[in-house]
Every structure is written in C-alpha cells, then in structure tokens.
Amino acid sequence: MRREAITQEQADERVALVERRQATLLRSPTPLLFAVLDEGCALRPMGGPGVMAAQFDRLLEFAEQPNTVLQIAPFQMGERRPFSLPVTVLTLPDR
C-alpha cells in the first residue's frame, strides 16, 4: 500500500490490531510460536538508528520467551531455501 493511502483512523485501527495480536503472546496458556525471518528483514534500515535499535530489542525480548523460537534465514542459503517444504500461514477470521 502506498504511503498516505489510508486515513489516520485506519492507521490507528491497524496499530491497535497489531497491539492486540502481540498481547495474545502474553495470555495463559501461551501459544507456541515459531518465526523465521529473512536476513533482509533484520538488515534493511527502517526509521533510523533509534527505531532499528528498538526493533532489535523487541526481537530479542520475543526470542527470549520460553514459548517462542526465532530464526534468521541467512542470505547465503540462496536457492537452498526450503520452498518445497510445507508452510502454514494462519489468518484470523477478521484478517
């Protein structure tokens, strides 16, 4: 979606949705969550050094939880990436 294509109200709604989804990681019982990020997600600068530092801090907090596994797929995997393996993408009914 291109910048400024949504209203402030829509943007606030999307942020609130992300916050609610993140809060589910703290509920009891906690869900088991595996996340694999491409190395580009970790290296691509977004929002400047302060924003990047905060994002890395949040990823570390996430990775340190007993119910989460965070992996980074390095660039050197190249074409060996396991695209032939099954991938499950979960979408909530309200998207």
N, C-alpha and C. Protein backbone atom coordinates (compact mmCIF):
# COMPACT_ATOMS: atom_id res chain seq x y z
N MET A 1 0.84 -1.17 0.00
CA MET A 1 0.00 0.00 0.00
C MET A 1 0.89 1.24 0.00
N ARG A 2 0.58 2.18 -0.81
CA ARG A 2 1.42 3.37 -0.88
C ARG A 2 1.13 4.28 0.31
N ARG A 3 2.14 5.07 0.63
CA ARG A 3 2.03 5.99 1.77
C ARG A 3 0.86 6.95 1.58
N GLU A 4 0.26 7.30 2.70
CA GLU A 4 -0.85 8.25 2.75
C GLU A 4 -2.07 7.78 1.98
N ALA A 5 -2.17 6.46 1.73
CA ALA A 5 -3.33 5.93 1.02
C ALA A 5 -4.46 5.58 1.98
N ILE A 6 -4.20 5.66 3.30
CA ILE A 6 -5.23 5.38 4.29
C ILE A 6 -5.38 6.59 5.21
N THR A 7 -6.51 6.63 5.88
CA THR A 7 -6.76 7.73 6.81
C THR A 7 -6.03 7.48 8.13
N GLN A 8 -5.93 8.50 8.94
CA GLN A 8 -5.31 8.35 10.26
C GLN A 8 -6.11 7.34 11.09
N GLU A 9 -7.42 7.37 10.97
CA GLU A 9 -8.27 6.43 11.70
C GLU A 9 -7.96 4.99 11.30
N GLN A 10 -7.79 4.75 10.00
CA GLN A 10 -7.45 3.40 9.53
C GLN A 10 -6.08 2.99 10.04
N ALA A 11 -5.12 3.91 10.04
CA ALA A 11 -3.79 3.61 10.54
C ALA A 11 -3.84 3.27 12.02
N ASP A 12 -4.60 4.04 12.80
CA ASP A 12 -4.74 3.77 14.23
C ASP A 12 -5.37 2.41 14.47
N GLU A 13 -6.35 2.06 13.65
CA GLU A 13 -7.02 0.77 13.75
C GLU A 13 -6.02 -0.38 13.50
N ARG A 14 -5.17 -0.21 12.51
CA ARG A 14 -4.18 -1.24 12.19
C ARG A 14 -3.16 -1.40 13.31
N VAL A 15 -2.73 -0.27 13.88
CA VAL A 15 -1.79 -0.33 15.01
C VAL A 15 -2.44 -1.04 16.19
N ALA A 16 -3.69 -0.73 16.47
CA ALA A 16 -4.41 -1.37 17.57
C ALA A 16 -4.53 -2.86 17.34
N LEU A 17 -4.76 -3.27 16.09
CA LEU A 17 -4.85 -4.69 15.76
C LEU A 17 -3.52 -5.40 16.05
N VAL A 18 -2.41 -4.79 15.64
CA VAL A 18 -1.10 -5.37 15.90
C VAL A 18 -0.86 -5.49 17.41
N GLU A 19 -1.24 -4.45 18.16
CA GLU A 19 -1.08 -4.49 19.61
C GLU A 19 -1.89 -5.61 20.23
N ARG A 20 -3.13 -5.81 19.77
CA ARG A 20 -3.97 -6.91 20.30
C ARG A 20 -3.35 -8.26 19.97
N ARG A 21 -2.84 -8.40 18.76
CA ARG A 21 -2.21 -9.68 18.39
C ARG A 21 -0.97 -9.95 19.23
N GLN A 22 -0.17 -8.92 19.47
CA GLN A 22 1.02 -9.10 20.29
C GLN A 22 0.64 -9.45 21.73
N ALA A 23 -0.47 -8.91 22.21
CA ALA A 23 -0.91 -9.20 23.57
C ALA A 23 -1.27 -10.67 23.73
N THR A 24 -1.67 -11.35 22.65
CA THR A 24 -2.01 -12.77 22.76
C THR A 24 -0.79 -13.61 23.13
N LEU A 25 0.41 -13.09 22.88
CA LEU A 25 1.63 -13.82 23.25
C LEU A 25 1.81 -13.88 24.76
N LEU A 26 1.10 -13.04 25.49
CA LEU A 26 1.23 -12.98 26.94
C LEU A 26 0.10 -13.69 27.67
N ARG A 27 -0.90 -14.18 26.95
CA ARG A 27 -2.04 -14.82 27.60
C ARG A 27 -1.64 -16.18 28.18
N SER A 28 -2.51 -16.75 28.95
CA SER A 28 -2.26 -18.06 29.53
C SER A 28 -3.37 -19.00 29.09
N PRO A 29 -3.08 -20.13 28.54
CA PRO A 29 -1.75 -20.63 28.23
C PRO A 29 -1.16 -19.89 27.03
N THR A 30 0.14 -19.76 27.03
CA THR A 30 0.80 -19.05 25.94
C THR A 30 0.89 -19.93 24.71
N PRO A 31 0.68 -19.34 23.54
CA PRO A 31 0.81 -20.13 22.31
C PRO A 31 2.28 -20.39 22.00
N LEU A 32 2.55 -21.53 21.38
CA LEU A 32 3.90 -21.83 20.90
C LEU A 32 4.03 -21.19 19.52
N LEU A 33 5.09 -20.40 19.35
CA LEU A 33 5.23 -19.65 18.11
C LEU A 33 6.63 -19.79 17.54
N PHE A 34 6.70 -20.19 16.27
CA PHE A 34 7.96 -20.29 15.54
C PHE A 34 7.94 -19.19 14.48
N ALA A 35 9.02 -18.41 14.39
CA ALA A 35 9.11 -17.35 13.39
C ALA A 35 10.46 -17.46 12.68
N VAL A 36 10.41 -17.41 11.36
CA VAL A 36 11.63 -17.41 10.56
C VAL A 36 11.61 -16.14 9.72
N LEU A 37 12.63 -15.31 9.91
CA LEU A 37 12.75 -14.06 9.16
C LEU A 37 13.90 -14.16 8.19
N ASP A 38 13.74 -13.59 7.03
CA ASP A 38 14.83 -13.49 6.09
C ASP A 38 15.84 -12.48 6.64
N GLU A 39 17.12 -12.69 6.39
CA GLU A 39 18.16 -11.78 6.88
C GLU A 39 17.89 -10.34 6.46
N GLY A 40 17.30 -10.16 5.30
CA GLY A 40 16.99 -8.81 4.83
C GLY A 40 16.06 -8.07 5.78
N CYS A 41 15.17 -8.79 6.45
CA CYS A 41 14.27 -8.14 7.42
C CYS A 41 15.05 -7.52 8.57
N ALA A 42 16.15 -8.15 8.95
CA ALA A 42 16.94 -7.66 10.07
C ALA A 42 17.93 -6.57 9.65
N LEU A 43 18.34 -6.58 8.39
CA LEU A 43 19.38 -5.64 7.96
C LEU A 43 18.86 -4.40 7.25
N ARG A 44 17.64 -4.46 6.72
CA ARG A 44 17.10 -3.33 5.96
C ARG A 44 16.79 -2.18 6.91
N PRO A 45 17.44 -1.03 6.75
CA PRO A 45 17.21 0.10 7.66
C PRO A 45 15.81 0.67 7.49
N MET A 46 15.12 0.83 8.60
CA MET A 46 13.78 1.40 8.61
C MET A 46 13.68 2.38 9.77
N GLY A 47 13.39 3.63 9.50
CA GLY A 47 13.12 4.59 10.55
C GLY A 47 14.31 5.14 11.30
N GLY A 48 15.51 4.84 10.88
CA GLY A 48 16.68 5.40 11.55
C GLY A 48 17.21 4.50 12.66
N PRO A 49 18.39 4.85 13.18
CA PRO A 49 19.06 4.02 14.18
C PRO A 49 18.24 3.78 15.45
N GLY A 50 17.52 4.79 15.93
CA GLY A 50 16.73 4.61 17.14
C GLY A 50 15.61 3.61 16.97
N VAL A 51 14.93 3.69 15.83
CA VAL A 51 13.85 2.76 15.52
C VAL A 51 14.41 1.35 15.35
N MET A 52 15.52 1.25 14.64
CA MET A 52 16.13 -0.07 14.43
C MET A 52 16.55 -0.69 15.76
N ALA A 53 17.15 0.09 16.63
CA ALA A 53 17.58 -0.43 17.94
C ALA A 53 16.37 -0.92 18.74
N ALA A 54 15.28 -0.17 18.70
CA ALA A 54 14.06 -0.58 19.41
C ALA A 54 13.49 -1.87 18.82
N GLN A 55 13.55 -1.99 17.49
CA GLN A 55 13.06 -3.21 16.84
C GLN A 55 13.91 -4.42 17.22
N PHE A 56 15.22 -4.25 17.24
CA PHE A 56 16.10 -5.36 17.65
C PHE A 56 15.86 -5.74 19.10
N ASP A 57 15.66 -4.74 19.96
CA ASP A 57 15.35 -5.03 21.36
C ASP A 57 14.08 -5.85 21.48
N ARG A 58 13.07 -5.48 20.68
CA ARG A 58 11.80 -6.21 20.72
C ARG A 58 11.97 -7.64 20.20
N LEU A 59 12.77 -7.81 19.15
CA LEU A 59 13.03 -9.16 18.65
C LEU A 59 13.75 -10.01 19.69
N LEU A 60 14.69 -9.41 20.41
CA LEU A 60 15.39 -10.15 21.47
C LEU A 60 14.43 -10.53 22.59
N GLU A 61 13.56 -9.63 22.98
CA GLU A 61 12.56 -9.95 24.00
C GLU A 61 11.69 -11.12 23.54
N PHE A 62 11.27 -11.06 22.28
CA PHE A 62 10.46 -12.13 21.70
C PHE A 62 11.21 -13.45 21.74
N ALA A 63 12.46 -13.45 21.30
CA ALA A 63 13.26 -14.67 21.20
C ALA A 63 13.55 -15.28 22.57
N GLU A 64 13.57 -14.47 23.61
CA GLU A 64 13.89 -14.96 24.95
C GLU A 64 12.69 -15.58 25.66
N GLN A 65 11.51 -15.47 25.08
CA GLN A 65 10.32 -16.06 25.70
C GLN A 65 10.41 -17.58 25.61
N PRO A 66 9.92 -18.29 26.63
CA PRO A 66 10.02 -19.76 26.62
C PRO A 66 9.13 -20.43 25.58
N ASN A 67 8.16 -19.71 25.04
CA ASN A 67 7.22 -20.28 24.08
C ASN A 67 7.49 -19.86 22.64
N THR A 68 8.65 -19.24 22.39
CA THR A 68 8.93 -18.76 21.04
C THR A 68 10.27 -19.29 20.52
N VAL A 69 10.33 -19.43 19.22
CA VAL A 69 11.57 -19.76 18.53
C VAL A 69 11.70 -18.76 17.40
N LEU A 70 12.80 -18.02 17.38
CA LEU A 70 13.06 -17.04 16.33
C LEU A 70 14.32 -17.46 15.59
N GLN A 71 14.21 -17.58 14.27
CA GLN A 71 15.35 -17.93 13.44
C GLN A 71 15.48 -16.90 12.32
N ILE A 72 16.72 -16.67 11.91
CA ILE A 72 17.00 -15.78 10.79
C ILE A 72 17.59 -16.63 9.67
N ALA A 73 16.95 -16.61 8.50
CA ALA A 73 17.46 -17.34 7.34
C ALA A 73 18.51 -16.47 6.66
N PRO A 74 19.78 -16.89 6.67
CA PRO A 74 20.84 -16.05 6.10
C PRO A 74 20.78 -15.99 4.58
N PHE A 75 21.30 -14.88 4.04
CA PHE A 75 21.36 -14.72 2.59
C PHE A 75 22.08 -15.88 1.92
N GLN A 76 23.12 -16.41 2.58
CA GLN A 76 23.93 -17.45 1.97
C GLN A 76 23.15 -18.73 1.68
N MET A 77 21.93 -18.85 2.23
CA MET A 77 21.10 -20.01 1.90
C MET A 77 20.75 -20.01 0.43
N GLY A 78 20.65 -18.81 -0.13
CA GLY A 78 20.36 -18.68 -1.56
C GLY A 78 19.19 -19.54 -2.00
N GLU A 79 19.40 -20.28 -3.05
CA GLU A 79 18.33 -21.11 -3.60
C GLU A 79 18.07 -22.36 -2.79
N ARG A 80 18.87 -22.62 -1.78
CA ARG A 80 18.64 -23.80 -0.95
C ARG A 80 17.51 -23.58 0.05
N ARG A 81 16.90 -22.42 0.00
CA ARG A 81 15.80 -22.16 0.92
C ARG A 81 14.73 -23.22 0.72
N PRO A 82 14.14 -23.71 1.78
CA PRO A 82 13.22 -24.86 1.70
C PRO A 82 11.82 -24.50 1.21
N PHE A 83 11.73 -23.99 -0.01
CA PHE A 83 10.42 -23.63 -0.55
C PHE A 83 9.58 -24.86 -0.87
N SER A 84 10.21 -26.02 -0.94
CA SER A 84 9.45 -27.23 -1.23
C SER A 84 8.83 -27.84 0.01
N LEU A 85 9.19 -27.33 1.19
CA LEU A 85 8.62 -27.85 2.43
C LEU A 85 7.29 -27.16 2.71
N PRO A 86 6.42 -27.84 3.46
CA PRO A 86 5.13 -27.21 3.75
C PRO A 86 5.29 -25.98 4.64
N VAL A 87 4.48 -24.98 4.37
CA VAL A 87 4.43 -23.76 5.17
C VAL A 87 2.99 -23.53 5.53
N THR A 88 2.72 -23.27 6.80
CA THR A 88 1.38 -22.99 7.25
C THR A 88 1.28 -21.50 7.55
N VAL A 89 0.35 -20.85 6.90
CA VAL A 89 0.12 -19.43 7.14
C VAL A 89 -1.25 -19.33 7.80
N LEU A 90 -1.27 -18.76 8.98
CA LEU A 90 -2.53 -18.63 9.71
C LEU A 90 -3.06 -17.22 9.55
N THR A 91 -4.35 -17.12 9.25
CA THR A 91 -5.00 -15.84 9.14
C THR A 91 -6.24 -15.88 10.03
N LEU A 92 -6.40 -14.87 10.86
CA LEU A 92 -7.58 -14.79 11.71
C LEU A 92 -8.80 -14.42 10.86
N PRO A 93 -10.00 -14.81 11.30
CA PRO A 93 -11.21 -14.51 10.51
C PRO A 93 -11.37 -13.03 10.19
N ASP A 94 -10.90 -12.14 11.09
CA ASP A 94 -11.06 -10.71 10.83
C ASP A 94 -9.88 -10.12 10.08
N ARG A 95 -9.01 -11.02 9.52
CA ARG A 95 -7.81 -10.66 8.76
C ARG A 95 -6.80 -10.01 9.65
